[in-house]
Amino acid sequence: MKLEAKNFSSPDEKREPPGMKGELVHVGEQTVAHGKMEPGWRWSTNIKPIAGTDSCQFLHTGYVIAGSMHVKHEDGTEVELKAGDVYVIPPGHDAWVVGDTAYESIDWGPRADQFAKKSE
């Protein structure tokens, strides 16, 4: 592993699936994503057609910058994330923006670069 720093002002990749914008940087073996989801965004509406799965199958670890998001896991547990929260969300969930403010977060992990990417 080498010492490395990158900045979202020049991301390695940008994605703009319906209702959201994402910027990704790759550092070491991790991908760090900066995402902004607009009011009305919902995983099962906006990303499910891209992912091709019934629920989000990614582990999310991150920090909420702004807005609120409700997350419902397939085991029935639910949480509402808000600015300042640090989270871990296991695979098998749906999520949606709450209210009229865009939700913004930083999310990292070894597979974060696969979020909202069409399967090949």
PDB file of N, CA and C in Angstrom:
ATOM      1  N   MET A   1       0.849  -1.174   0.000  1.00  0.00           N
ATOM      2  CA  MET A   1       0.000   0.000   0.000  1.00  0.00           C
ATOM      3  C   MET A   1       0.894   1.236   0.000  1.00  0.00           C
ATOM      4  N   LYS A   2       0.476   2.263  -0.739  1.00  0.00           N
ATOM      5  CA  LYS A   2       1.275   3.487  -0.817  1.00  0.00           C
ATOM      6  C   LYS A   2       0.469   4.665  -0.269  1.00  0.00           C
ATOM      7  N   LEU A   3       1.166   5.691   0.135  1.00  0.00           N
ATOM      8  CA  LEU A   3       0.542   6.927   0.585  1.00  0.00           C
ATOM      9  C   LEU A   3      -0.142   7.569  -0.611  1.00  0.00           C
ATOM     10  N   GLU A   4      -1.408   7.968  -0.422  1.00  0.00           N
ATOM     11  CA  GLU A   4      -2.167   8.468  -1.566  1.00  0.00           C
ATOM     12  C   GLU A   4      -3.252   9.419  -1.088  1.00  0.00           C
ATOM     13  N   ALA A   5      -3.539  10.463  -1.847  1.00  0.00           N
ATOM     14  CA  ALA A   5      -4.630  11.387  -1.560  1.00  0.00           C
ATOM     15  C   ALA A   5      -5.277  11.800  -2.871  1.00  0.00           C
ATOM     16  N   LYS A   6      -6.592  11.893  -2.852  1.00  0.00           N
ATOM     17  CA  LYS A   6      -7.336  12.348  -4.026  1.00  0.00           C
ATOM     18  C   LYS A   6      -8.407  13.316  -3.562  1.00  0.00           C
ATOM     19  N   ASN A   7      -9.008  14.022  -4.513  1.00  0.00           N
ATOM     20  CA  ASN A   7      -9.995  15.036  -4.194  1.00  0.00           C
ATOM     21  C   ASN A   7     -11.213  14.872  -5.102  1.00  0.00           C
ATOM     22  N   PHE A   8     -12.400  15.114  -4.536  1.00  0.00           N
ATOM     23  CA  PHE A   8     -13.621  14.998  -5.335  1.00  0.00           C
ATOM     24  C   PHE A   8     -13.737  16.091  -6.395  1.00  0.00           C
ATOM     25  N   SER A   9     -12.879  17.120  -6.343  1.00  0.00           N
ATOM     26  CA  SER A   9     -12.911  18.138  -7.392  1.00  0.00           C
ATOM     27  C   SER A   9     -12.449  17.572  -8.730  1.00  0.00           C
ATOM     28  N   SER A  10     -11.704  16.465  -8.701  1.00  0.00           N
ATOM     29  CA  SER A  10     -11.355  15.744  -9.931  1.00  0.00           C
ATOM     30  C   SER A  10     -11.506  14.250  -9.675  1.00  0.00           C
ATOM     31  N   PRO A  11     -12.769  13.775  -9.650  1.00  0.00           N
ATOM     32  CA  PRO A  11     -13.031  12.365  -9.352  1.00  0.00           C
ATOM     33  C   PRO A  11     -12.533  11.447 -10.462  1.00  0.00           C
ATOM     34  N   ASP A  12     -12.323  10.178 -10.091  1.00  0.00           N
ATOM     35  CA  ASP A  12     -11.941   9.170 -11.078  1.00  0.00           C
ATOM     36  C   ASP A  12     -13.113   8.807 -11.982  1.00  0.00           C
ATOM     37  N   GLU A  13     -14.313   8.985 -11.457  1.00  0.00           N
ATOM     38  CA  GLU A  13     -15.514   8.590 -12.210  1.00  0.00           C
ATOM     39  C   GLU A  13     -16.706   9.390 -11.709  1.00  0.00           C
ATOM     40  N   LYS A  14     -17.645   9.656 -12.617  1.00  0.00           N
ATOM     41  CA  LYS A  14     -18.911  10.303 -12.260  1.00  0.00           C
ATOM     42  C   LYS A  14     -20.046   9.412 -12.741  1.00  0.00           C
ATOM     43  N   ARG A  15     -21.114   9.359 -11.954  1.00  0.00           N
ATOM     44  CA  ARG A  15     -22.329   8.622 -12.346  1.00  0.00           C
ATOM     45  C   ARG A  15     -23.534   9.498 -12.077  1.00  0.00           C
ATOM     46  N   GLU A  16     -24.520   9.424 -12.978  1.00  0.00           N
ATOM     47  CA  GLU A  16     -25.741  10.190 -12.808  1.00  0.00           C
ATOM     48  C   GLU A  16     -26.960   9.341 -13.136  1.00  0.00           C
ATOM     49  N   PRO A  17     -27.217   8.297 -12.325  1.00  0.00           N
ATOM     50  CA  PRO A  17     -28.464   7.554 -12.526  1.00  0.00           C
ATOM     51  C   PRO A  17     -29.639   8.452 -12.158  1.00  0.00           C
ATOM     52  N   PRO A  18     -30.865   8.074 -12.492  1.00  0.00           N
ATOM     53  CA  PRO A  18     -32.018   8.932 -12.234  1.00  0.00           C
ATOM     54  C   PRO A  18     -32.095   9.411 -10.782  1.00  0.00           C
ATOM     55  N   GLY A  19     -32.216  10.740 -10.614  1.00  0.00           N
ATOM     56  CA  GLY A  19     -32.426  11.327  -9.299  1.00  0.00           C
ATOM     57  C   GLY A  19     -31.204  11.480  -8.431  1.00  0.00           C
ATOM     58  N   MET A  20     -30.024  11.186  -8.960  1.00  0.00           N
ATOM     59  CA  MET A  20     -28.830  11.315  -8.124  1.00  0.00           C
ATOM     60  C   MET A  20     -27.593  11.635  -8.944  1.00  0.00           C
ATOM     61  N   LYS A  21     -26.581  12.119  -8.237  1.00  0.00           N
ATOM     62  CA  LYS A  21     -25.271  12.355  -8.831  1.00  0.00           C
ATOM     63  C   LYS A  21     -24.244  11.724  -7.912  1.00  0.00           C
ATOM     64  N   GLY A  22     -23.285  11.049  -8.492  1.00  0.00           N
ATOM     65  CA  GLY A  22     -22.243  10.415  -7.701  1.00  0.00           C
ATOM     66  C   GLY A  22     -20.867  10.671  -8.291  1.00  0.00           C
ATOM     67  N   GLU A  23     -19.914  10.874  -7.409  1.00  0.00           N
ATOM     68  CA  GLU A  23     -18.517  11.038  -7.792  1.00  0.00           C
ATOM     69  C   GLU A  23     -17.721   9.995  -7.021  1.00  0.00           C
ATOM     70  N   LEU A  24     -16.796   9.333  -7.702  1.00  0.00           N
ATOM     71  CA  LEU A  24     -16.012   8.285  -7.061  1.00  0.00           C
ATOM     72  C   LEU A  24     -14.521   8.557  -7.200  1.00  0.00           C
ATOM     73  N   VAL A  25     -13.795   8.277  -6.116  1.00  0.00           N
ATOM     74  CA  VAL A  25     -12.335   8.282  -6.160  1.00  0.00           C
ATOM     75  C   VAL A  25     -11.863   6.933  -5.639  1.00  0.00           C
ATOM     76  N   HIS A  26     -10.798   6.427  -6.234  1.00  0.00           N
ATOM     77  CA  HIS A  26     -10.222   5.146  -5.839  1.00  0.00           C
ATOM     78  C   HIS A  26      -8.917   5.433  -5.112  1.00  0.00           C
ATOM     79  N   VAL A  27      -8.838   4.992  -3.860  1.00  0.00           N
ATOM     80  CA  VAL A  27      -7.627   5.166  -3.063  1.00  0.00           C
ATOM     81  C   VAL A  27      -7.276   3.830  -2.434  1.00  0.00           C
ATOM     82  N   GLY A  28      -6.063   3.373  -2.679  1.00  0.00           N
ATOM     83  CA  GLY A  28      -5.680   2.055  -2.185  1.00  0.00           C
ATOM     84  C   GLY A  28      -6.635   1.011  -2.751  1.00  0.00           C
ATOM     85  N   GLU A  29      -7.174   0.174  -1.890  1.00  0.00           N
ATOM     86  CA  GLU A  29      -8.130  -0.852  -2.316  1.00  0.00           C
ATOM     87  C   GLU A  29      -9.572  -0.425  -2.047  1.00  0.00           C
ATOM     88  N   GLN A  30      -9.781   0.832  -1.735  1.00  0.00           N
ATOM     89  CA  GLN A  30     -11.107   1.345  -1.414  1.00  0.00           C
ATOM     90  C   GLN A  30     -11.612   2.266  -2.519  1.00  0.00           C
ATOM     91  N   THR A  31     -12.914   2.341  -2.607  1.00  0.00           N
ATOM     92  CA  THR A  31     -13.554   3.365  -3.419  1.00  0.00           C
ATOM     93  C   THR A  31     -14.353   4.226  -2.459  1.00  0.00           C
ATOM     94  N   VAL A  32     -14.223   5.530  -2.609  1.00  0.00           N
ATOM     95  CA  VAL A  32     -14.976   6.465  -1.786  1.00  0.00           C
ATOM     96  C   VAL A  32     -15.913   7.211  -2.719  1.00  0.00           C
ATOM     97  N   ALA A  33     -17.199   7.219  -2.346  1.00  0.00           N
ATOM     98  CA  ALA A  33     -18.229   7.828  -3.197  1.00  0.00           C
ATOM     99  C   ALA A  33     -18.862   9.012  -2.482  1.00  0.00           C
ATOM    100  N   HIS A  34     -19.026  10.094  -3.219  1.00  0.00           N
ATOM    101  CA  HIS A  34     -19.768  11.257  -2.742  1.00  0.00           C
ATOM    102  C   HIS A  34     -21.071  11.249  -3.529  1.00  0.00           C
ATOM    103  N   GLY A  35     -22.185  11.071  -2.840  1.00  0.00           N
ATOM    104  CA  GLY A  35     -23.468  10.980  -3.518  1.00  0.00           C
ATOM    105  C   GLY A  35     -24.446  12.036  -3.075  1.00  0.00           C
ATOM    106  N   LYS A  36     -25.259  12.487  -4.008  1.00  0.00           N
ATOM    107  CA  LYS A  36     -26.325  13.441  -3.702  1.00  0.00           C
ATOM    108  C   LYS A  36     -27.598  12.928  -4.368  1.00  0.00           C
ATOM    109  N   MET A  37     -28.596  12.590  -3.530  1.00  0.00           N
ATOM    110  CA  MET A  37     -29.868  12.099  -4.011  1.00  0.00           C
ATOM    111  C   MET A  37     -30.920  13.193  -3.846  1.00  0.00           C
ATOM    112  N   GLU A  38     -31.682  13.429  -4.887  1.00  0.00           N
ATOM    113  CA  GLU A  38     -32.693  14.482  -4.887  1.00  0.00           C
ATOM    114  C   GLU A  38     -33.952  14.046  -4.138  1.00  0.00           C
ATOM    115  N   PRO A  39     -34.742  15.022  -3.639  1.00  0.00           N
ATOM    116  CA  PRO A  39     -36.023  14.669  -3.021  1.00  0.00           C
ATOM    117  C   PRO A  39     -36.844  13.802  -3.974  1.00  0.00           C
ATOM    118  N   GLY A  40     -37.470  12.765  -3.441  1.00  0.00           N
ATOM    119  CA  GLY A  40     -38.242  11.834  -4.263  1.00  0.00           C
ATOM    120  C   GLY A  40     -37.445  10.616  -4.698  1.00  0.00           C
ATOM    121  N   TRP A  41     -36.113  10.639  -4.545  1.00  0.00           N
ATOM    122  CA  TRP A  41     -35.287   9.491  -4.923  1.00  0.00           C
ATOM    123  C   TRP A  41     -35.593   8.313  -4.013  1.00  0.00           C
ATOM    124  N   ARG A  42     -35.668   7.132  -4.614  1.00  0.00           N
ATOM    125  CA  ARG A  42     -35.868   5.890  -3.865  1.00  0.00           C
ATOM    126  C   ARG A  42     -35.096   4.785  -4.582  1.00  0.00           C
ATOM    127  N   TRP A  43     -34.364   3.972  -3.810  1.00  0.00           N
ATOM    128  CA  TRP A  43     -33.563   2.906  -4.406  1.00  0.00           C
ATOM    129  C   TRP A  43     -34.438   2.003  -5.267  1.00  0.00           C
ATOM    130  N   SER A  44     -35.572   1.545  -4.731  1.00  0.00           N
ATOM    131  CA  SER A  44     -36.408   0.577  -5.453  1.00  0.00           C
ATOM    132  C   SER A  44     -37.027   1.158  -6.725  1.00  0.00           C
ATOM    133  N   THR A  45     -37.100   2.464  -6.841  1.00  0.00           N
ATOM    134  CA  THR A  45     -37.633   3.111  -8.042  1.00  0.00           C
ATOM    135  C   THR A  45     -36.519   3.491  -9.015  1.00  0.00           C
ATOM    136  N   ASN A  46     -35.454   4.089  -8.486  1.00  0.00           N
ATOM    137  CA  ASN A  46     -34.427   4.672  -9.340  1.00  0.00           C
ATOM    138  C   ASN A  46     -33.247   3.753  -9.654  1.00  0.00           C
ATOM    139  N   ILE A  47     -32.888   2.858  -8.742  1.00  0.00           N
ATOM    140  CA  ILE A  47     -31.693   2.041  -8.930  1.00  0.00           C
ATOM    141  C   ILE A  47     -32.017   0.567  -9.202  1.00  0.00           C
ATOM    142  N   LYS A  48     -33.116   0.081  -8.672  1.00  0.00           N
ATOM    143  CA  LYS A  48     -33.488  -1.328  -8.871  1.00  0.00           C
ATOM    144  C   LYS A  48     -33.458  -1.732 -10.349  1.00  0.00           C
ATOM    145  N   PRO A  49     -34.004  -0.915 -11.264  1.00  0.00           N
ATOM    146  CA  PRO A  49     -33.939  -1.311 -12.685  1.00  0.00           C
ATOM    147  C   PRO A  49     -32.512  -1.437 -13.219  1.00  0.00           C
ATOM    148  N   ILE A  50     -31.592  -0.692 -12.642  1.00  0.00           N
ATOM    149  CA  ILE A  50     -30.183  -0.765 -13.057  1.00  0.00           C
ATOM    150  C   ILE A  50     -29.516  -1.978 -12.421  1.00  0.00           C
ATOM    151  N   ALA A  51     -29.760  -2.160 -11.105  1.00  0.00           N
ATOM    152  CA  ALA A  51     -29.108  -3.236 -10.357  1.00  0.00           C
ATOM    153  C   ALA A  51     -29.643  -4.611 -10.731  1.00  0.00           C
ATOM    154  N   GLY A  52     -30.946  -4.681 -11.011  1.00  0.00           N
ATOM    155  CA  GLY A  52     -31.553  -5.966 -11.360  1.00  0.00           C
ATOM    156  C   GLY A  52     -31.744  -6.896 -10.175  1.00  0.00           C
ATOM    157  N   THR A  53     -31.765  -6.346  -8.944  1.00  0.00           N
ATOM    158  CA  THR A  53     -32.003  -7.141  -7.742  1.00  0.00           C
ATOM    159  C   THR A  53     -33.225  -6.573  -7.020  1.00  0.00           C
ATOM    160  N   ASP A  54     -33.840  -7.378  -6.150  1.00  0.00           N
ATOM    161  CA  ASP A  54     -35.038  -6.927  -5.441  1.00  0.00           C
ATOM    162  C   ASP A  54     -34.738  -5.906  -4.355  1.00  0.00           C
ATOM    163  N   SER A  55     -33.513  -5.915  -3.838  1.00  0.00           N
ATOM    164  CA  SER A  55     -33.094  -4.950  -2.825  1.00  0.00           C
ATOM    165  C   SER A  55     -31.629  -4.607  -3.080  1.00  0.00           C
ATOM    166  N   CYS A  56     -31.161  -3.552  -2.439  1.00  0.00           N
ATOM    167  CA  CYS A  56     -29.754  -3.179  -2.601  1.00  0.00           C
ATOM    168  C   CYS A  56     -28.888  -4.228  -1.934  1.00  0.00           C
ATOM    169  N   GLN A  57     -27.941  -4.761  -2.662  1.00  0.00           N
ATOM    170  CA  GLN A  57     -27.098  -5.846  -2.171  1.00  0.00           C
ATOM    171  C   GLN A  57     -25.689  -5.384  -1.805  1.00  0.00           C
ATOM    172  N   PHE A  58     -25.545  -4.085  -1.501  1.00  0.00           N
ATOM    173  CA  PHE A  58     -24.250  -3.550  -1.123  1.00  0.00           C
ATOM    174  C   PHE A  58     -24.198  -3.210   0.351  1.00  0.00           C
ATOM    175  N   LEU A  59     -23.043  -3.415   0.927  1.00  0.00           N
ATOM    176  CA  LEU A  59     -22.746  -2.958   2.273  1.00  0.00           C
ATOM    177  C   LEU A  59     -22.343  -1.493   2.151  1.00  0.00           C
ATOM    178  N   HIS A  60     -23.016  -0.631   2.889  1.00  0.00           N
ATOM    179  CA  HIS A  60     -22.691   0.795   2.874  1.00  0.00           C
ATOM    180  C   HIS A  60     -22.141   1.199   4.234  1.00  0.00           C
ATOM    181  N   THR A  61     -21.022   1.878   4.218  1.00  0.00           N
ATOM    182  CA  THR A  61     -20.455   2.475   5.417  1.00  0.00           C
ATOM    183  C   THR A  61     -20.208   3.926   5.068  1.00  0.00           C
ATOM    184  N   GLY A  62     -20.692   4.859   5.885  1.00  0.00           N
ATOM    185  CA  GLY A  62     -20.525   6.235   5.478  1.00  0.00           C
ATOM    186  C   GLY A  62     -20.891   7.268   6.509  1.00  0.00           C
ATOM    187  N   TYR A  63     -21.000   8.496   6.015  1.00  0.00           N
ATOM    188  CA  TYR A  63     -21.265   9.678   6.816  1.00  0.00           C
ATOM    189  C   TYR A  63     -22.261  10.567   6.064  1.00  0.00           C
ATOM    190  N   VAL A  64     -23.294  11.044   6.764  1.00  0.00           N
ATOM    191  CA  VAL A  64     -24.311  11.900   6.155  1.00  0.00           C
ATOM    192  C   VAL A  64     -23.896  13.363   6.278  1.00  0.00           C
ATOM    193  N   ILE A  65     -23.832  14.047   5.142  1.00  0.00           N
ATOM    194  CA  ILE A  65     -23.479  15.462   5.094  1.00  0.00           C
ATOM    195  C   ILE A  65     -24.716  16.336   5.249  1.00  0.00           C
ATOM    196  N   ALA A  66     -25.805  15.979   4.535  1.00  0.00           N
ATOM    197  CA  ALA A  66     -27.012  16.808   4.545  1.00  0.00           C
ATOM    198  C   ALA A  66     -28.239  15.961   4.251  1.00  0.00           C
ATOM    199  N   GLY A  67     -29.396  16.463   4.668  1.00  0.00           N
ATOM    200  CA  GLY A  67     -30.660  15.802   4.376  1.00  0.00           C
ATOM    201  C   GLY A  67     -30.931  14.598   5.253  1.00  0.00           C
ATOM    202  N   SER A  68     -31.991  13.863   4.880  1.00  0.00           N
ATOM    203  CA  SER A  68     -32.402  12.660   5.613  1.00  0.00           C
ATOM    204  C   SER A  68     -32.740  11.546   4.644  1.00  0.00           C
ATOM    205  N   MET A  69     -32.443  10.320   5.067  1.00  0.00           N
ATOM    206  CA  MET A  69     -32.785   9.142   4.282  1.00  0.00           C
ATOM    207  C   MET A  69     -33.333   8.072   5.217  1.00  0.00           C
ATOM    208  N   HIS A  70     -34.425   7.455   4.805  1.00  0.00           N
ATOM    209  CA  HIS A  70     -35.002   6.337   5.557  1.00  0.00           C
ATOM    210  C   HIS A  70     -34.511   5.043   4.915  1.00  0.00           C
ATOM    211  N   VAL A  71     -34.050   4.118   5.744  1.00  0.00           N
ATOM    212  CA  VAL A  71     -33.540   2.834   5.264  1.00  0.00           C
ATOM    213  C   VAL A  71     -34.362   1.739   5.921  1.00  0.00           C
ATOM    214  N   LYS A  72     -34.858   0.823   5.097  1.00  0.00           N
ATOM    215  CA  LYS A  72     -35.621  -0.323   5.604  1.00  0.00           C
ATOM    216  C   LYS A  72     -34.932  -1.597   5.130  1.00  0.00           C
ATOM    217  N   HIS A  73     -34.489  -2.401   6.102  1.00  0.00           N
ATOM    218  CA  HIS A  73     -33.816  -3.655   5.791  1.00  0.00           C
ATOM    219  C   HIS A  73     -34.860  -4.748   5.609  1.00  0.00           C
ATOM    220  N   GLU A  74     -34.517  -5.771   4.803  1.00  0.00           N
ATOM    221  CA  GLU A  74     -35.475  -6.856   4.560  1.00  0.00           C
ATOM    222  C   GLU A  74     -35.774  -7.671   5.814  1.00  0.00           C
ATOM    223  N   ASP A  75     -34.972  -7.517   6.896  1.00  0.00           N
ATOM    224  CA  ASP A  75     -35.283  -8.202   8.153  1.00  0.00           C
ATOM    225  C   ASP A  75     -36.306  -7.432   8.978  1.00  0.00           C
ATOM    226  N   GLY A  76     -36.773  -6.276   8.463  1.00  0.00           N
ATOM    227  CA  GLY A  76     -37.798  -5.480   9.130  1.00  0.00           C
ATOM    228  C   GLY A  76     -37.254  -4.309   9.929  1.00  0.00           C
ATOM    229  N   THR A  77     -35.956  -4.250  10.162  1.00  0.00           N
ATOM    230  CA  THR A  77     -35.401  -3.119  10.900  1.00  0.00           C
ATOM    231  C   THR A  77     -35.361  -1.882  10.008  1.00  0.00           C
ATOM    232  N   GLU A  78     -35.506  -0.716  10.652  1.00  0.00           N
ATOM    233  CA  GLU A  78     -35.524   0.544   9.927  1.00  0.00           C
ATOM    234  C   GLU A  78     -34.738   1.595  10.694  1.00  0.00           C
ATOM    235  N   VAL A  79     -34.199   2.555   9.972  1.00  0.00           N
ATOM    236  CA  VAL A  79     -33.479   3.672  10.588  1.00  0.00           C
ATOM    237  C   VAL A  79     -33.642   4.893   9.682  1.00  0.00           C
ATOM    238  N   GLU A  80     -33.659   6.070  10.303  1.00  0.00           N
ATOM    239  CA  GLU A  80     -33.662   7.303   9.525  1.00  0.00           C
ATOM    240  C   GLU A  80     -32.328   7.997   9.762  1.00  0.00           C
ATOM    241  N   LEU A  81     -31.590   8.194   8.688  1.00  0.00           N
ATOM    242  CA  LEU A  81     -30.284   8.830   8.750  1.00  0.00           C
ATOM    243  C   LEU A  81     -30.436  10.327   8.537  1.00  0.00           C
ATOM    244  N   LYS A  82     -29.658  11.107   9.283  1.00  0.00           N
ATOM    245  CA  LYS A  82     -29.705  12.559   9.143  1.00  0.00           C
ATOM    246  C   LYS A  82     -28.288  13.124   9.212  1.00  0.00           C
ATOM    247  N   ALA A  83     -28.145  14.388   8.842  1.00  0.00           N
ATOM    248  CA  ALA A  83     -26.832  15.036   8.814  1.00  0.00           C
ATOM    249  C   ALA A  83     -26.075  14.800  10.116  1.00  0.00           C
ATOM    250  N   GLY A  84     -24.810  14.399   9.985  1.00  0.00           N
ATOM    251  CA  GLY A  84     -23.956  14.132  11.126  1.00  0.00           C
ATOM    252  C   GLY A  84     -23.885  12.667  11.518  1.00  0.00           C
ATOM    253  N   ASP A  85     -24.811  11.852  11.014  1.00  0.00           N
ATOM    254  CA  ASP A  85     -24.817  10.422  11.353  1.00  0.00           C
ATOM    255  C   ASP A  85     -23.721   9.677  10.596  1.00  0.00           C
ATOM    256  N   VAL A  86     -23.151   8.693  11.272  1.00  0.00           N
ATOM    257  CA  VAL A  86     -22.234   7.727  10.672  1.00  0.00           C
ATOM    258  C   VAL A  86     -22.992   6.413  10.639  1.00  0.00           C
ATOM    259  N   TYR A  87     -22.902   5.664   9.548  1.00  0.00           N
ATOM    260  CA  TYR A  87     -23.768   4.494   9.398  1.00  0.00           C
ATOM    261  C   TYR A  87     -23.050   3.294   8.809  1.00  0.00           C
ATOM    262  N   VAL A  88     -23.669   2.153   9.064  1.00  0.00           N
ATOM    263  CA  VAL A  88     -23.353   0.920   8.338  1.00  0.00           C
ATOM    264  C   VAL A  88     -24.707   0.309   7.990  1.00  0.00           C
ATOM    265  N   ILE A  89     -24.883  -0.016   6.720  1.00  0.00           N
ATOM    266  CA  ILE A  89     -26.133  -0.588   6.221  1.00  0.00           C
ATOM    267  C   ILE A  89     -25.786  -1.901   5.537  1.00  0.00           C
ATOM    268  N   PRO A  90     -26.250  -3.032   6.094  1.00  0.00           N
ATOM    269  CA  PRO A  90     -25.940  -4.321   5.472  1.00  0.00           C
ATOM    270  C   PRO A  90     -26.703  -4.513   4.158  1.00  0.00           C
ATOM    271  N   PRO A  91     -26.232  -5.417   3.309  1.00  0.00           N
ATOM    272  CA  PRO A  91     -26.958  -5.744   2.081  1.00  0.00           C
ATOM    273  C   PRO A  91     -28.387  -6.192   2.397  1.00  0.00           C
ATOM    274  N   GLY A  92     -29.312  -5.929   1.455  1.00  0.00           N
ATOM    275  CA  GLY A  92     -30.709  -6.357   1.598  1.00  0.00           C
ATOM    276  C   GLY A  92     -31.596  -5.244   2.119  1.00  0.00           C
ATOM    277  N   HIS A  93     -31.587  -4.093   1.471  1.00  0.00           N
ATOM    278  CA  HIS A  93     -32.367  -2.959   1.961  1.00  0.00           C
ATOM    279  C   HIS A  93     -32.928  -2.122   0.814  1.00  0.00           C
ATOM    280  N   ASP A  94     -33.907  -1.307   1.167  1.00  0.00           N
ATOM    281  CA  ASP A  94     -34.415  -0.251   0.311  1.00  0.00           C
ATOM    282  C   ASP A  94     -34.137   1.042   1.071  1.00  0.00           C
ATOM    283  N   ALA A  95     -34.099   2.169   0.369  1.00  0.00           N
ATOM    284  CA  ALA A  95     -33.842   3.450   1.016  1.00  0.00           C
ATOM    285  C   ALA A  95     -34.467   4.552   0.183  1.00  0.00           C
ATOM    286  N   TRP A  96     -34.879   5.636   0.867  1.00  0.00           N
ATOM    287  CA  TRP A  96     -35.477   6.749   0.151  1.00  0.00           C
ATOM    288  C   TRP A  96     -35.215   8.051   0.887  1.00  0.00           C
ATOM    289  N   VAL A  97     -35.139   9.140   0.096  1.00  0.00           N
ATOM    290  CA  VAL A  97     -34.934  10.480   0.639  1.00  0.00           C
ATOM    291  C   VAL A  97     -36.214  10.916   1.338  1.00  0.00           C
ATOM    292  N   VAL A  98     -36.042  11.507   2.526  1.00  0.00           N
ATOM    293  CA  VAL A  98     -37.171  12.006   3.316  1.00  0.00           C
ATOM    294  C   VAL A  98     -37.194  13.530   3.212  1.00  0.00           C
ATOM    295  N   GLY A  99     -38.354  14.077   2.894  1.00  0.00           N
ATOM    296  CA  GLY A  99     -38.519  15.529   2.875  1.00  0.00           C
ATOM    297  C   GLY A  99     -38.123  16.179   1.569  1.00  0.00           C
ATOM    298  N   ASP A 100     -37.971  17.500   1.645  1.00  0.00           N
ATOM    299  CA  ASP A 100     -37.726  18.321   0.456  1.00  0.00           C
ATOM    300  C   ASP A 100     -36.275  18.756   0.290  1.00  0.00           C
ATOM    301  N   THR A 101     -35.384  18.189   1.079  1.00  0.00           N
ATOM    302  CA  THR A 101     -33.958  18.531   1.001  1.00  0.00           C
ATOM    303  C   THR A 101     -33.196  17.352   0.415  1.00  0.00           C
ATOM    304  N   ALA A 102     -32.269  17.644  -0.473  1.00  0.00           N
ATOM    305  CA  ALA A 102     -31.443  16.582  -1.053  1.00  0.00           C
ATOM    306  C   ALA A 102     -30.627  15.913   0.053  1.00  0.00           C
ATOM    307  N   TYR A 103     -30.399  14.618  -0.108  1.00  0.00           N
ATOM    308  CA  TYR A 103     -29.588  13.831   0.819  1.00  0.00           C
ATOM    309  C   TYR A 103     -28.182  13.741   0.234  1.00  0.00           C
ATOM    310  N   GLU A 104     -27.187  14.012   1.056  1.00  0.00           N
ATOM    311  CA  GLU A 104     -25.806  13.986   0.584  1.00  0.00           C
ATOM    312  C   GLU A 104     -24.962  13.193   1.577  1.00  0.00           C
ATOM    313  N   SER A 105     -24.124  12.305   1.048  1.00  0.00           N
ATOM    314  CA  SER A 105     -23.304  11.470   1.927  1.00  0.00           C
ATOM    315  C   SER A 105     -21.978  11.101   1.273  1.00  0.00           C
ATOM    316  N   ILE A 106     -21.093  10.603   2.119  1.00  0.00           N
ATOM    317  CA  ILE A 106     -19.832  10.001   1.698  1.00  0.00           C
ATOM    318  C   ILE A 106     -19.920   8.536   2.090  1.00  0.00           C
ATOM    319  N   ASP A 107     -19.633   7.647   1.170  1.00  0.00           N
ATOM    320  CA  ASP A 107     -19.770   6.205   1.373  1.00  0.00           C
ATOM    321  C   ASP A 107     -18.479   5.543   0.904  1.00  0.00           C
ATOM    322  N   TRP A 108     -17.961   4.578   1.650  1.00  0.00           N
ATOM    323  CA  TRP A 108     -16.705   3.947   1.245  1.00  0.00           C
ATOM    324  C   TRP A 108     -16.754   2.446   1.430  1.00  0.00           C
ATOM    325  N   GLY A 109     -15.919   1.769   0.687  1.00  0.00           N
ATOM    326  CA  GLY A 109     -15.837   0.319   0.783  1.00  0.00           C
ATOM    327  C   GLY A 109     -15.170  -0.267  -0.436  1.00  0.00           C
ATOM    328  N   PRO A 110     -14.822  -1.547  -0.364  1.00  0.00           N
ATOM    329  CA  PRO A 110     -14.128  -2.179  -1.486  1.00  0.00           C
ATOM    330  C   PRO A 110     -15.003  -2.343  -2.724  1.00  0.00           C
ATOM    331  N   ARG A 111     -16.337  -2.272  -2.586  1.00  0.00           N
ATOM    332  CA  ARG A 111     -17.216  -2.456  -3.751  1.00  0.00           C
ATOM    333  C   ARG A 111     -18.064  -1.228  -4.046  1.00  0.00           C
ATOM    334  N   ALA A 112     -17.784  -0.093  -3.433  1.00  0.00           N
ATOM    335  CA  ALA A 112     -18.582   1.111  -3.637  1.00  0.00           C
ATOM    336  C   ALA A 112     -18.622   1.518  -5.109  1.00  0.00           C
ATOM    337  N   ASP A 113     -17.613   1.122  -5.876  1.00  0.00           N
ATOM    338  CA  ASP A 113     -17.575   1.488  -7.296  1.00  0.00           C
ATOM    339  C   ASP A 113     -18.617   0.725  -8.123  1.00  0.00           C
ATOM    340  N   GLN A 114     -19.266  -0.261  -7.543  1.00  0.00           N
ATOM    341  CA  GLN A 114     -20.272  -1.035  -8.280  1.00  0.00           C
ATOM    342  C   GLN A 114     -21.686  -0.491  -8.115  1.00  0.00           C
ATOM    343  N   PHE A 115     -21.907   0.459  -7.196  1.00  0.00           N
ATOM    344  CA  PHE A 115     -23.244   0.996  -6.943  1.00  0.00           C
ATOM    345  C   PHE A 115     -23.778   1.702  -8.181  1.00  0.00           C
ATOM    346  N   ALA A 116     -25.015   1.408  -8.523  1.00  0.00           N
ATOM    347  CA  ALA A 116     -25.712   2.014  -9.668  1.00  0.00           C
ATOM    348  C   ALA A 116     -24.991   1.764 -10.987  1.00  0.00           C
ATOM    349  N   LYS A 117     -24.320   0.630 -11.073  1.00  0.00           N
ATOM    350  CA  LYS A 117     -23.621   0.249 -12.303  1.00  0.00           C
ATOM    351  C   LYS A 117     -24.346  -0.941 -12.909  1.00  0.00           C
ATOM    352  N   LYS A 118     -24.624  -0.859 -14.178  1.00  0.00           N
ATOM    353  CA  LYS A 118     -25.317  -1.963 -14.843  1.00  0.00           C
ATOM    354  C   LYS A 118     -24.465  -3.223 -14.834  1.00  0.00           C
ATOM    355  N   SER A 119     -25.115  -4.341 -14.562  1.00  0.00           N
ATOM    356  CA  SER A 119     -24.416  -5.624 -14.596  1.00  0.00           C
ATOM    357  C   SER A 119     -24.066  -5.961 -16.042  1.00  0.00           C
ATOM    358  N   GLU A 120     -22.911  -6.578 -16.210  1.00  0.00           N
ATOM    359  CA  GLU A 120     -22.483  -6.938 -17.575  1.00  0.00           C
ATOM    360  C   GLU A 120     -22.719  -8.393 -17.841  1.00  0.00           C
TER     361      GLU A 120
END
